[in-house]
Every structure is written in structure tokens, then in C-alpha cells.
N, C-alpha and C. Protein backbone atom coordinates (compact mmCIF):
# COMPACT_ATOMS: atom_id res chain seq x y z
N MET A 1 85.04 142.48 162.14
CA MET A 1 86.01 143.11 161.27
C MET A 1 87.07 142.10 160.86
N VAL A 2 87.30 141.98 159.54
CA VAL A 2 88.35 141.12 159.03
C VAL A 2 89.59 141.97 158.81
N ALA A 3 90.71 141.55 159.36
CA ALA A 3 91.95 142.32 159.24
C ALA A 3 93.12 141.45 158.90
N GLY A 4 94.10 142.02 158.21
CA GLY A 4 95.28 141.26 157.81
C GLY A 4 96.31 142.15 157.13
N ILE A 5 97.32 141.52 156.55
CA ILE A 5 98.34 142.24 155.82
C ILE A 5 98.16 142.00 154.33
N ALA A 6 98.90 142.78 153.53
CA ALA A 6 98.76 142.66 152.08
C ALA A 6 99.93 143.32 151.38
N GLY A 7 100.10 142.98 150.11
CA GLY A 7 101.00 143.77 149.26
C GLY A 7 100.21 144.93 148.69
N THR A 8 100.88 146.05 148.46
CA THR A 8 100.17 147.24 147.96
C THR A 8 100.80 147.77 146.67
N LYS A 9 99.98 148.41 145.89
CA LYS A 9 100.46 149.09 144.67
C LYS A 9 101.08 150.42 145.04
N PRO A 10 102.33 150.70 144.66
CA PRO A 10 103.01 151.92 145.10
C PRO A 10 102.34 153.18 144.67
N GLU A 11 101.56 153.16 143.63
CA GLU A 11 100.82 154.34 143.23
C GLU A 11 99.71 154.69 144.25
N MET A 12 99.30 153.68 145.01
CA MET A 12 98.14 153.84 145.87
C MET A 12 98.46 153.99 147.33
N ALA A 13 99.47 153.32 147.81
CA ALA A 13 99.74 153.32 149.27
C ALA A 13 101.18 153.01 149.51
N THR A 14 101.53 152.84 150.78
CA THR A 14 102.93 152.58 151.15
C THR A 14 102.99 151.53 152.23
N ILE A 15 104.20 151.08 152.55
CA ILE A 15 104.37 150.07 153.57
C ILE A 15 103.88 150.65 154.93
N GLY A 16 103.02 149.91 155.59
CA GLY A 16 102.46 150.36 156.83
C GLY A 16 101.14 151.06 156.71
N ALA A 17 100.72 151.42 155.47
CA ALA A 17 99.44 152.07 155.29
C ALA A 17 98.31 151.06 155.54
N ALA A 18 97.18 151.55 155.95
CA ALA A 18 96.01 150.70 156.22
C ALA A 18 94.84 151.13 155.35
N ALA A 19 94.17 150.18 154.72
CA ALA A 19 93.10 150.50 153.77
C ALA A 19 91.80 149.79 154.16
N TRP A 20 90.73 150.59 154.22
CA TRP A 20 89.39 150.07 154.39
C TRP A 20 88.83 149.70 153.01
N ALA A 21 88.35 148.49 152.86
CA ALA A 21 87.91 148.01 151.55
C ALA A 21 86.46 148.29 151.31
N GLY A 22 86.13 148.67 150.06
CA GLY A 22 84.75 148.77 149.63
C GLY A 22 84.34 147.55 148.84
N TYR A 23 85.30 146.96 148.13
CA TYR A 23 85.07 145.74 147.35
C TYR A 23 86.15 144.73 147.68
N ILE A 24 85.79 143.48 147.71
CA ILE A 24 86.71 142.37 147.76
C ILE A 24 86.46 141.55 146.48
N VAL A 25 87.53 141.43 145.69
CA VAL A 25 87.42 140.77 144.39
C VAL A 25 88.32 139.54 144.39
N TYR A 26 87.81 138.44 143.85
CA TYR A 26 88.60 137.20 143.75
C TYR A 26 89.18 137.06 142.38
N GLY A 27 90.46 136.77 142.34
CA GLY A 27 91.18 136.62 141.04
C GLY A 27 91.46 135.18 140.67
N GLY A 28 90.96 134.22 141.45
CA GLY A 28 91.28 132.84 141.18
C GLY A 28 90.35 132.16 140.18
N LEU A 29 89.14 132.71 139.97
CA LEU A 29 88.24 132.15 138.99
C LEU A 29 88.53 132.79 137.64
N ALA A 30 89.41 132.16 136.88
CA ALA A 30 89.87 132.79 135.64
C ALA A 30 90.32 131.72 134.63
N ASP A 31 90.35 132.08 133.38
CA ASP A 31 90.99 131.25 132.35
C ASP A 31 92.45 131.61 132.31
N GLY A 32 93.28 130.62 132.01
CA GLY A 32 94.74 130.89 131.93
C GLY A 32 95.36 130.15 130.77
N MET A 33 96.43 130.76 130.24
CA MET A 33 97.15 130.14 129.14
C MET A 33 98.61 130.64 129.18
N ASP A 34 99.54 129.77 128.84
CA ASP A 34 100.92 130.19 128.78
C ASP A 34 101.07 131.12 127.58
N PRO A 35 101.60 132.34 127.77
CA PRO A 35 101.68 133.28 126.67
C PRO A 35 102.62 132.87 125.56
N ARG A 36 103.41 131.79 125.77
CA ARG A 36 104.25 131.29 124.70
C ARG A 36 103.49 130.40 123.72
N GLU A 37 102.25 130.08 124.04
CA GLU A 37 101.44 129.29 123.13
C GLU A 37 101.08 130.08 121.89
N SER A 38 100.99 129.39 120.76
CA SER A 38 100.61 130.03 119.50
C SER A 38 99.19 130.58 119.60
N GLY A 39 98.97 131.76 119.14
CA GLY A 39 97.66 132.36 119.13
C GLY A 39 97.32 133.14 120.38
N PHE A 40 98.25 133.23 121.35
CA PHE A 40 97.96 133.99 122.55
C PHE A 40 97.88 135.48 122.21
N HIS A 41 96.77 136.10 122.56
CA HIS A 41 96.59 137.50 122.24
C HIS A 41 95.85 138.24 123.33
N TRP A 42 95.78 137.68 124.56
CA TRP A 42 95.13 138.34 125.67
C TRP A 42 95.99 139.52 126.12
N ASP A 43 95.33 140.45 126.77
CA ASP A 43 96.07 141.59 127.31
C ASP A 43 96.90 141.20 128.55
N PHE A 44 96.40 140.18 129.29
CA PHE A 44 97.12 139.71 130.46
C PHE A 44 97.13 138.20 130.47
N LEU A 45 97.88 137.64 131.44
CA LEU A 45 98.03 136.19 131.51
C LEU A 45 96.70 135.49 131.81
N LEU A 46 95.81 136.15 132.60
CA LEU A 46 94.53 135.55 132.97
C LEU A 46 93.38 136.33 132.36
N ALA A 47 92.34 135.60 132.03
CA ALA A 47 91.15 136.20 131.41
C ALA A 47 89.90 135.80 132.18
N GLN A 48 88.82 136.48 131.91
CA GLN A 48 87.56 136.17 132.58
C GLN A 48 87.14 134.73 132.34
N LEU A 49 86.67 134.05 133.38
CA LEU A 49 86.33 132.65 133.29
C LEU A 49 85.24 132.44 132.23
N GLY A 50 85.51 131.49 131.29
CA GLY A 50 84.55 131.18 130.25
C GLY A 50 84.77 131.92 128.96
N CYS A 51 85.72 132.88 128.93
CA CYS A 51 85.95 133.68 127.76
C CYS A 51 87.18 133.20 126.99
N THR A 52 87.17 133.36 125.68
CA THR A 52 88.36 133.09 124.86
C THR A 52 89.12 134.36 124.54
N THR A 53 88.57 135.48 125.00
CA THR A 53 89.27 136.77 124.96
C THR A 53 89.51 137.24 126.38
N SER A 54 90.18 138.37 126.56
CA SER A 54 90.47 138.83 127.92
C SER A 54 89.19 139.02 128.74
N TRP A 55 88.16 139.48 128.11
CA TRP A 55 86.86 139.72 128.80
C TRP A 55 85.76 139.59 127.77
N CYS A 56 84.60 139.03 128.16
CA CYS A 56 83.52 138.86 127.22
C CYS A 56 82.19 139.15 127.89
N ASP A 57 81.32 139.80 127.16
CA ASP A 57 79.98 140.10 127.66
C ASP A 57 79.07 138.89 127.64
N GLN A 58 79.27 138.02 126.71
CA GLN A 58 78.47 136.84 126.57
C GLN A 58 79.31 135.58 126.76
N GLY A 59 78.80 134.63 127.47
CA GLY A 59 79.47 133.34 127.59
C GLY A 59 80.32 133.17 128.85
N ALA A 60 80.51 134.23 129.61
CA ALA A 60 81.33 134.15 130.80
C ALA A 60 80.63 133.33 131.88
N TYR A 61 81.38 132.63 132.71
CA TYR A 61 80.82 131.86 133.80
C TYR A 61 80.83 132.77 135.05
N VAL A 62 79.69 132.82 135.71
CA VAL A 62 79.56 133.61 136.94
C VAL A 62 79.19 132.66 138.07
N VAL A 63 80.07 132.55 139.04
CA VAL A 63 79.89 131.64 140.17
C VAL A 63 79.13 132.33 141.29
N GLY A 64 79.37 133.60 141.47
CA GLY A 64 78.69 134.34 142.54
C GLY A 64 79.60 134.76 143.67
N THR A 65 80.85 134.28 143.63
CA THR A 65 81.79 134.66 144.70
C THR A 65 82.92 135.54 144.16
N GLU A 66 82.74 136.03 142.95
CA GLU A 66 83.80 136.83 142.34
C GLU A 66 83.97 138.22 142.99
N VAL A 67 82.87 138.80 143.46
CA VAL A 67 82.92 140.16 144.01
C VAL A 67 81.98 140.26 145.20
N TYR A 68 82.50 140.88 146.23
CA TYR A 68 81.66 141.26 147.38
C TYR A 68 81.79 142.75 147.61
N GLN A 69 80.65 143.45 147.63
CA GLN A 69 80.68 144.86 147.96
C GLN A 69 80.28 145.02 149.43
N LEU A 70 81.11 145.72 150.16
CA LEU A 70 80.84 145.93 151.56
C LEU A 70 80.00 147.18 151.76
N ASN A 71 79.45 147.33 152.96
CA ASN A 71 78.60 148.45 153.26
C ASN A 71 79.36 149.80 153.14
N PRO A 72 79.07 150.62 152.16
CA PRO A 72 79.85 151.86 151.98
C PRO A 72 79.68 152.84 153.12
N THR A 73 78.51 152.88 153.69
CA THR A 73 78.28 153.79 154.84
C THR A 73 79.15 153.42 156.01
N LEU A 74 79.21 152.15 156.31
CA LEU A 74 80.02 151.65 157.44
C LEU A 74 81.50 151.86 157.14
N ARG A 75 81.90 151.59 155.90
CA ARG A 75 83.30 151.80 155.51
C ARG A 75 83.71 153.23 155.66
N ASP A 76 82.87 154.16 155.19
CA ASP A 76 83.20 155.59 155.31
C ASP A 76 83.25 156.03 156.77
N TRP A 77 82.32 155.52 157.58
CA TRP A 77 82.32 155.82 159.01
C TRP A 77 83.64 155.39 159.63
N ALA A 78 84.07 154.16 159.33
CA ALA A 78 85.33 153.64 159.91
C ALA A 78 86.52 154.44 159.43
N PHE A 79 86.51 154.85 158.17
CA PHE A 79 87.61 155.65 157.62
C PHE A 79 87.72 157.00 158.36
N HIS A 80 86.62 157.70 158.44
CA HIS A 80 86.64 159.02 159.09
C HIS A 80 87.01 158.92 160.57
N LEU A 81 86.63 157.81 161.19
CA LEU A 81 86.98 157.62 162.58
C LEU A 81 88.47 157.37 162.76
N SER A 82 89.11 156.79 161.77
CA SER A 82 90.52 156.34 161.91
C SER A 82 91.52 157.10 161.06
N GLU A 83 91.08 157.99 160.20
CA GLU A 83 92.02 158.57 159.22
C GLU A 83 93.13 159.36 159.85
N GLN A 84 92.98 159.86 161.05
CA GLN A 84 94.04 160.62 161.70
C GLN A 84 94.83 159.81 162.71
N VAL A 85 94.58 158.54 162.80
CA VAL A 85 95.31 157.68 163.76
C VAL A 85 96.76 157.53 163.29
N PRO A 86 97.74 157.82 164.17
CA PRO A 86 99.16 157.63 163.77
C PRO A 86 99.47 156.14 163.66
N LEU A 87 100.11 155.73 162.58
CA LEU A 87 100.44 154.35 162.34
C LEU A 87 101.89 154.07 162.59
N ALA A 88 102.20 152.83 162.97
CA ALA A 88 103.55 152.44 163.28
C ALA A 88 104.46 152.53 162.08
N ASP A 89 105.72 152.79 162.31
CA ASP A 89 106.71 152.92 161.24
C ASP A 89 108.05 152.51 161.82
N ASN A 90 109.02 152.24 160.97
CA ASN A 90 110.41 151.99 161.41
C ASN A 90 111.39 152.32 160.28
N ALA A 91 112.64 152.34 160.61
CA ALA A 91 113.69 152.72 159.64
C ALA A 91 113.78 151.77 158.48
N HIS A 92 113.54 150.49 158.73
CA HIS A 92 113.59 149.48 157.68
C HIS A 92 112.51 149.76 156.63
N ALA A 93 111.30 149.99 157.08
CA ALA A 93 110.22 150.28 156.13
C ALA A 93 110.49 151.62 155.40
N GLU A 94 111.00 152.59 156.11
CA GLU A 94 111.28 153.88 155.48
C GLU A 94 112.31 153.74 154.39
N ALA A 95 113.33 152.93 154.62
CA ALA A 95 114.34 152.69 153.58
C ALA A 95 113.78 151.96 152.37
N ALA A 96 112.87 151.04 152.61
CA ALA A 96 112.25 150.27 151.51
C ALA A 96 111.38 151.16 150.66
N ARG A 97 110.59 152.05 151.26
CA ARG A 97 109.71 152.91 150.47
C ARG A 97 110.49 154.00 149.73
N ALA A 98 111.67 154.36 150.22
CA ALA A 98 112.48 155.39 149.53
C ALA A 98 112.99 154.93 148.19
N LEU A 99 112.94 153.64 147.89
CA LEU A 99 113.38 153.11 146.60
C LEU A 99 112.38 153.34 145.49
N TYR A 100 111.17 153.74 145.84
CA TYR A 100 110.11 153.92 144.85
C TYR A 100 109.90 155.40 144.55
N LEU A 101 109.41 155.68 143.37
CA LEU A 101 109.28 157.07 142.90
C LEU A 101 107.90 157.63 143.12
N HIS A 102 106.94 156.78 143.35
CA HIS A 102 105.52 157.25 143.46
C HIS A 102 105.35 158.05 144.75
N GLU A 103 104.56 159.09 144.66
CA GLU A 103 104.35 159.98 145.82
C GLU A 103 103.76 159.22 147.00
N ASN A 104 102.72 158.41 146.75
CA ASN A 104 102.09 157.67 147.86
C ASN A 104 103.05 156.62 148.46
N ALA A 105 103.89 156.04 147.63
CA ALA A 105 104.82 155.03 148.11
C ALA A 105 105.81 155.62 149.08
N ARG A 106 106.20 156.86 148.90
CA ARG A 106 107.21 157.51 149.73
C ARG A 106 106.66 158.19 150.97
N ARG A 107 105.34 158.17 151.12
CA ARG A 107 104.71 158.82 152.26
C ARG A 107 104.89 157.99 153.54
N LYS A 108 104.72 158.65 154.68
CA LYS A 108 104.60 157.92 155.92
C LYS A 108 103.31 157.10 155.88
N PRO A 109 103.17 156.04 156.68
CA PRO A 109 101.94 155.23 156.70
C PRO A 109 100.71 156.10 156.95
N PHE A 110 99.64 155.80 156.24
CA PHE A 110 98.40 156.56 156.33
C PHE A 110 97.21 155.65 156.17
N VAL A 111 96.05 156.13 156.57
CA VAL A 111 94.80 155.37 156.39
C VAL A 111 94.12 155.82 155.11
N THR A 112 93.60 154.86 154.35
CA THR A 112 92.97 155.19 153.07
C THR A 112 91.78 154.28 152.83
N LYS A 113 91.12 154.50 151.68
CA LYS A 113 90.03 153.67 151.26
C LYS A 113 90.36 153.18 149.85
N CYS A 114 90.35 151.89 149.65
CA CYS A 114 90.55 151.26 148.30
C CYS A 114 90.21 149.79 148.43
N ASP A 115 90.46 149.01 147.43
CA ASP A 115 89.86 147.67 147.37
C ASP A 115 90.89 146.57 147.28
N GLY A 116 90.43 145.33 147.63
CA GLY A 116 91.35 144.23 147.71
C GLY A 116 91.14 143.18 146.63
N LEU A 117 92.25 142.66 146.10
CA LEU A 117 92.20 141.52 145.19
C LEU A 117 92.72 140.28 145.91
N MET A 118 91.94 139.23 145.94
CA MET A 118 92.33 138.02 146.61
C MET A 118 92.69 136.96 145.57
N THR A 119 93.84 136.32 145.74
CA THR A 119 94.25 135.24 144.86
C THR A 119 94.80 134.08 145.70
N ASP A 120 95.05 132.96 145.06
CA ASP A 120 95.67 131.82 145.73
C ASP A 120 97.16 131.77 145.39
N THR A 121 97.67 132.76 144.72
CA THR A 121 99.07 132.82 144.28
C THR A 121 99.76 134.04 144.85
N PHE A 122 100.92 133.86 145.44
CA PHE A 122 101.74 135.01 145.88
C PHE A 122 102.51 135.49 144.69
N TRP A 123 102.10 136.60 144.13
CA TRP A 123 102.67 137.10 142.90
C TRP A 123 103.41 138.42 143.14
N ALA A 124 104.21 138.81 142.14
CA ALA A 124 104.94 140.10 142.19
C ALA A 124 105.18 140.60 140.77
N GLY A 125 105.32 141.89 140.65
CA GLY A 125 105.70 142.47 139.36
C GLY A 125 104.67 143.47 138.82
N THR A 126 105.20 144.42 138.05
CA THR A 126 104.32 145.50 137.52
C THR A 126 103.24 144.94 136.59
N ARG A 127 103.56 143.90 135.83
CA ARG A 127 102.57 143.36 134.88
C ARG A 127 101.40 142.74 135.64
N MET A 128 101.73 141.98 136.68
CA MET A 128 100.67 141.38 137.51
C MET A 128 99.88 142.46 138.24
N SER A 129 100.57 143.50 138.66
CA SER A 129 99.88 144.62 139.31
C SER A 129 98.91 145.32 138.34
N ASP A 130 99.40 145.46 137.09
CA ASP A 130 98.49 146.06 136.09
C ASP A 130 97.27 145.18 135.85
N TRP A 131 97.51 143.87 135.85
CA TRP A 131 96.37 142.94 135.70
C TRP A 131 95.40 143.09 136.89
N ALA A 132 95.95 143.14 138.09
CA ALA A 132 95.11 143.29 139.28
C ALA A 132 94.26 144.55 139.23
N THR A 133 94.87 145.64 138.77
CA THR A 133 94.14 146.91 138.63
C THR A 133 93.00 146.75 137.64
N TRP A 134 93.32 146.16 136.50
CA TRP A 134 92.31 145.96 135.46
C TRP A 134 91.23 144.99 135.91
N TRP A 135 91.61 143.92 136.58
CA TRP A 135 90.67 142.87 137.00
C TRP A 135 89.67 143.43 138.01
N VAL A 136 90.14 144.19 138.96
CA VAL A 136 89.25 144.77 139.95
C VAL A 136 88.29 145.74 139.29
N SER A 137 88.80 146.55 138.37
CA SER A 137 87.94 147.46 137.68
C SER A 137 86.88 146.75 136.85
N GLN A 138 87.28 145.69 136.15
CA GLN A 138 86.32 144.96 135.34
C GLN A 138 85.26 144.29 136.19
N GLN A 139 85.68 143.63 137.27
CA GLN A 139 84.74 142.89 138.11
C GLN A 139 83.76 143.82 138.83
N THR A 140 84.15 145.04 139.06
CA THR A 140 83.27 146.00 139.77
C THR A 140 82.64 147.01 138.84
N LYS A 141 82.77 146.78 137.52
CA LYS A 141 82.19 147.65 136.52
C LYS A 141 82.69 149.10 136.66
N GLY A 142 83.99 149.21 137.00
CA GLY A 142 84.63 150.49 137.09
C GLY A 142 84.52 151.19 138.42
N SER A 143 83.85 150.59 139.37
CA SER A 143 83.64 151.23 140.67
C SER A 143 84.76 150.96 141.68
N GLY A 144 85.48 149.85 141.49
CA GLY A 144 86.52 149.46 142.44
C GLY A 144 87.89 149.98 142.03
N THR A 145 88.73 150.19 143.03
CA THR A 145 90.10 150.64 142.83
C THR A 145 91.03 149.73 143.58
N TYR A 146 91.82 148.95 142.85
CA TYR A 146 92.74 147.98 143.49
C TYR A 146 93.84 148.68 144.25
N CYS A 147 94.14 148.19 145.44
CA CYS A 147 95.32 148.69 146.14
C CYS A 147 95.93 147.65 147.07
N MET A 148 95.21 146.59 147.43
CA MET A 148 95.73 145.61 148.36
C MET A 148 95.58 144.19 147.79
N ALA A 149 96.67 143.44 147.80
CA ALA A 149 96.68 142.06 147.30
C ALA A 149 96.89 141.13 148.45
N ALA A 150 95.98 140.17 148.61
CA ALA A 150 96.04 139.23 149.74
C ALA A 150 95.42 137.89 149.33
N PHE A 151 95.06 137.08 150.31
CA PHE A 151 94.59 135.70 150.05
C PHE A 151 93.17 135.42 150.52
N GLU A 152 92.87 135.68 151.78
CA GLU A 152 91.78 135.01 152.44
C GLU A 152 90.40 135.64 152.34
N ASP A 153 90.32 136.93 152.06
CA ASP A 153 89.08 137.64 152.29
C ASP A 153 87.91 137.16 151.45
N SER A 154 88.14 136.68 150.23
CA SER A 154 87.06 136.19 149.44
C SER A 154 86.45 134.93 150.06
N GLY A 155 87.29 134.04 150.56
CA GLY A 155 86.78 132.84 151.24
C GLY A 155 86.06 133.20 152.53
N THR A 156 86.61 134.14 153.28
CA THR A 156 85.98 134.56 154.52
C THR A 156 84.61 135.15 154.24
N LEU A 157 84.53 136.03 153.24
CA LEU A 157 83.25 136.65 152.93
C LEU A 157 82.26 135.67 152.33
N THR A 158 82.74 134.67 151.64
CA THR A 158 81.82 133.62 151.15
C THR A 158 81.18 132.87 152.32
N ALA A 159 82.00 132.54 153.34
CA ALA A 159 81.49 131.87 154.52
C ALA A 159 80.48 132.79 155.27
N LEU A 160 80.86 134.06 155.41
CA LEU A 160 80.00 135.01 156.09
C LEU A 160 78.68 135.22 155.31
N ASN A 161 78.80 135.23 153.98
CA ASN A 161 77.60 135.38 153.15
C ASN A 161 76.62 134.22 153.37
N ARG A 162 77.15 133.05 153.53
CA ARG A 162 76.30 131.88 153.76
C ARG A 162 75.67 131.93 155.16
N LEU A 163 76.42 132.43 156.10
CA LEU A 163 75.84 132.63 157.44
C LEU A 163 74.72 133.68 157.39
N ALA A 164 74.96 134.73 156.60
CA ALA A 164 73.94 135.78 156.48
C ALA A 164 72.68 135.22 155.82
N ALA A 165 72.85 134.33 154.82
CA ALA A 165 71.70 133.77 154.12
C ALA A 165 70.87 132.88 155.06
N SER A 166 71.53 132.35 156.10
CA SER A 166 70.79 131.51 157.06
C SER A 166 70.30 132.34 158.27
N GLY A 167 70.51 133.66 158.19
CA GLY A 167 70.02 134.52 159.26
C GLY A 167 70.88 134.55 160.48
N ARG A 168 72.12 134.09 160.40
CA ARG A 168 73.00 134.01 161.55
C ARG A 168 73.74 135.36 161.80
N ILE A 169 74.04 136.09 160.74
CA ILE A 169 74.76 137.34 160.89
C ILE A 169 74.16 138.39 159.94
N ASP A 170 74.58 139.65 160.13
CA ASP A 170 74.18 140.74 159.25
C ASP A 170 75.41 141.13 158.46
N LEU A 171 75.42 140.85 157.13
CA LEU A 171 76.58 141.10 156.29
C LEU A 171 76.87 142.60 156.16
N LYS A 172 75.87 143.42 156.42
CA LYS A 172 76.06 144.87 156.31
C LYS A 172 76.96 145.39 157.43
N ARG A 173 77.27 144.53 158.41
CA ARG A 173 78.11 144.95 159.53
C ARG A 173 79.53 144.48 159.38
N VAL A 174 79.88 143.90 158.24
CA VAL A 174 81.22 143.37 158.01
C VAL A 174 82.11 144.45 157.43
N MET A 175 83.34 144.55 157.94
CA MET A 175 84.35 145.47 157.43
C MET A 175 85.64 144.69 157.15
N VAL A 176 86.43 145.18 156.21
CA VAL A 176 87.72 144.56 155.91
C VAL A 176 88.80 145.63 155.94
N LEU A 177 89.84 145.39 156.73
CA LEU A 177 90.96 146.32 156.84
C LEU A 177 92.26 145.57 156.55
N ARG A 178 93.04 146.06 155.61
CA ARG A 178 94.33 145.47 155.30
C ARG A 178 95.44 146.51 155.49
N ALA A 179 96.55 146.08 156.15
CA ALA A 179 97.73 146.92 156.28
C ALA A 179 98.82 146.44 155.36
N ALA A 180 99.43 147.37 154.64
CA ALA A 180 100.44 146.99 153.59
C ALA A 180 101.75 146.54 154.25
N SER A 181 102.17 145.37 153.90
CA SER A 181 103.40 144.83 154.42
C SER A 181 104.59 144.95 153.44
N ASP A 182 104.24 145.13 152.16
CA ASP A 182 105.28 145.27 151.14
C ASP A 182 104.62 145.81 149.87
N PHE A 183 105.40 146.08 148.86
CA PHE A 183 104.87 146.53 147.58
C PHE A 183 104.66 145.36 146.66
N ASP A 184 103.70 145.44 145.77
CA ASP A 184 103.35 144.32 144.89
C ASP A 184 104.22 144.26 143.65
N GLN A 185 105.20 145.12 143.55
CA GLN A 185 106.03 145.18 142.34
C GLN A 185 107.42 145.67 142.66
N GLN A 186 108.30 145.57 141.66
CA GLN A 186 109.66 145.94 141.83
C GLN A 186 109.85 147.45 141.79
N HIS A 187 110.91 147.93 142.40
CA HIS A 187 111.30 149.36 142.34
C HIS A 187 112.25 149.53 141.15
N PRO A 188 112.51 150.75 140.71
CA PRO A 188 113.41 151.01 139.62
C PRO A 188 114.78 150.34 139.86
N GLY A 189 115.27 149.64 138.88
CA GLY A 189 116.54 148.95 139.01
C GLY A 189 116.47 147.56 139.58
N GLN A 190 115.24 147.11 139.89
CA GLN A 190 115.02 145.78 140.46
C GLN A 190 114.16 144.97 139.52
N THR A 191 114.35 143.67 139.50
CA THR A 191 113.50 142.79 138.70
C THR A 191 112.31 142.32 139.53
N ALA A 192 111.30 141.82 138.84
CA ALA A 192 110.13 141.28 139.56
C ALA A 192 110.54 140.09 140.43
N LEU A 193 111.50 139.26 139.93
CA LEU A 193 111.95 138.11 140.71
C LEU A 193 112.62 138.54 141.98
N LYS A 194 113.45 139.57 141.93
CA LYS A 194 114.12 140.07 143.12
C LYS A 194 113.11 140.64 144.09
N SER A 195 112.06 141.29 143.56
CA SER A 195 111.00 141.82 144.40
C SER A 195 110.28 140.69 145.12
N LEU A 196 110.02 139.62 144.43
CA LEU A 196 109.37 138.44 145.05
C LEU A 196 110.26 137.83 146.11
N GLN A 197 111.53 137.71 145.81
CA GLN A 197 112.48 137.13 146.77
C GLN A 197 112.54 137.98 148.01
N ALA A 198 112.55 139.30 147.87
CA ALA A 198 112.62 140.20 149.01
C ALA A 198 111.39 140.05 149.87
N SER A 199 110.23 139.89 149.24
CA SER A 199 108.99 139.77 149.99
C SER A 199 108.93 138.49 150.78
N LEU A 200 109.60 137.44 150.28
CA LEU A 200 109.54 136.15 150.94
C LEU A 200 110.66 135.93 151.92
N ASN A 201 111.68 136.82 151.91
CA ASN A 201 112.84 136.68 152.74
C ASN A 201 112.53 137.15 154.18
N ASP A 202 112.85 136.36 155.18
CA ASP A 202 112.55 136.72 156.56
C ASP A 202 113.12 138.06 156.97
N SER A 203 114.34 138.36 156.46
CA SER A 203 115.01 139.54 156.95
C SER A 203 114.46 140.81 156.35
N THR A 204 113.77 140.71 155.20
CA THR A 204 113.29 141.94 154.52
C THR A 204 111.79 141.92 154.29
N GLY A 205 111.17 140.77 154.47
CA GLY A 205 109.75 140.70 154.11
C GLY A 205 108.86 140.25 155.21
N VAL A 206 108.84 138.93 155.47
CA VAL A 206 107.82 138.36 156.34
C VAL A 206 107.91 138.92 157.78
N THR A 207 109.15 138.96 158.33
CA THR A 207 109.29 139.46 159.70
C THR A 207 108.82 140.93 159.77
N LEU A 208 109.25 141.70 158.80
CA LEU A 208 108.83 143.09 158.75
C LEU A 208 107.31 143.21 158.61
N ARG A 209 106.73 142.33 157.82
CA ARG A 209 105.28 142.35 157.64
C ARG A 209 104.56 142.27 158.96
N TRP A 210 104.92 141.30 159.78
CA TRP A 210 104.19 141.12 161.02
C TRP A 210 104.43 142.25 161.99
N ARG A 211 105.62 142.78 162.00
CA ARG A 211 105.92 143.91 162.90
C ARG A 211 105.12 145.13 162.51
N ILE A 212 105.07 145.41 161.22
CA ILE A 212 104.32 146.57 160.75
C ILE A 212 102.84 146.36 161.03
N TYR A 213 102.33 145.16 160.73
CA TYR A 213 100.88 144.91 160.91
C TYR A 213 100.49 145.03 162.37
N ILE A 214 101.22 144.38 163.24
CA ILE A 214 100.89 144.40 164.68
C ILE A 214 101.01 145.83 165.21
N GLY A 215 102.05 146.52 164.81
CA GLY A 215 102.21 147.91 165.26
C GLY A 215 101.09 148.80 164.79
N SER A 216 100.66 148.60 163.56
CA SER A 216 99.56 149.44 163.01
C SER A 216 98.29 149.22 163.79
N VAL A 217 97.97 147.97 164.07
CA VAL A 217 96.74 147.67 164.77
C VAL A 217 96.78 148.22 166.19
N ARG A 218 97.89 148.07 166.86
CA ARG A 218 97.99 148.56 168.23
C ARG A 218 97.93 150.08 168.30
N SER A 219 98.31 150.75 167.24
CA SER A 219 98.18 152.20 167.21
C SER A 219 96.76 152.61 167.13
């Protein structure tokens, strides 16, 4: 089982929530352009690799590590086994989630099923979150639902996939669980930059992240 922390979309989950992934999608293989350049007309900052539009059916480059689908039967089994497990919480996290208007964001920590986007960039903001939602949907042909943003899982699954190809492991036995340490975007009245600063600040972000994650796992 691969486990870790992540930023979450407030429409989908809350701080301290834990999500079993069905898909792990990589967002690093992409075309990019500064939107201040003349002729920029993409829907988002990043586009499918090999395309001159946001997404293209012909001409895109496919590496093979863009998407990993995990065993849905095993994921559902793990979810049903854990969905009633009480998760750790504290007053700091409760105060942070109260700043958001979304129903799921304001809930106590819960166990859910949704999917992870892995990037090499620590990002923040509603526009990037909208891109993540769209990217996961595009890469999974509409089957995936983005809710957790993190770093390592695409690389981990690529390594495990190569071990599986050599007969060393069974990839159908791999599960990914992420616990939300913060929100991937700003709350009303806050800028994306302030949201990023809060996530990176030891007093409001990183320290809280590890406390929530460790507490969730121990529960």
C-alpha cells in the first residue's frame, strides 16, 4: 500500500479526509506556454503533450506513464473495510475548514474514493484546481475524479509496473491512500498566493500536515 498526504479540492473532501485512489494521473508530461504570449488561447496553462491546442486526438505524445488504473475490486474492498473508521481531527484543522463554503470541505474527516493527480510542482489556486479536475478527466476518458494533489505516486507506480513486468510483484495488489493535509485552493476572501503561503508555513501547513496524516493512519 502506498500512502501519503495531499492537497484536496474542497468540493470533494476536507482536511484529514482519506481517499482510496482508482486512478493515478501524472500532470508533468505536458506542453506549457506563458499565457502572456501572443496567440495564447488554451483553456489552461498546460496542454496535452504534443498538442498545439489544449487537447488533441491526433499528434499527441503518449509515453505510457500518464495514467495508472488500480484494481477497482481491491479499492472498493478497502473502502468498505475502512469507511466507518474514525479519523483524527483537531481544532486547528476545524478552524481551517470552516473558512470554506463547500459542504464536503466543512465536514469532519471521512474516508472516500477519488483519484490523484501527481505533479512536480507544489501549486495552489482555483484555476490550477480546475485544470487538475479537467486533466484527470481527460486522461481517464471521463472515468476519473480528481480530489488529491501530490507528488510521488506516478513515479512509485512506474517502478512497481516495471517490477510487475519482470514478474517480481502483482500490480493488481497495489493500493494508494492519500490523507488531505490542506486545500488545493484559496478560501473566499483569500488569494491563491496567500493559500500557497499558508500551505508552506510550518505553523499552519506542514506541521499540521504531518500531525493529521499520522493521526489518520493510527486511527
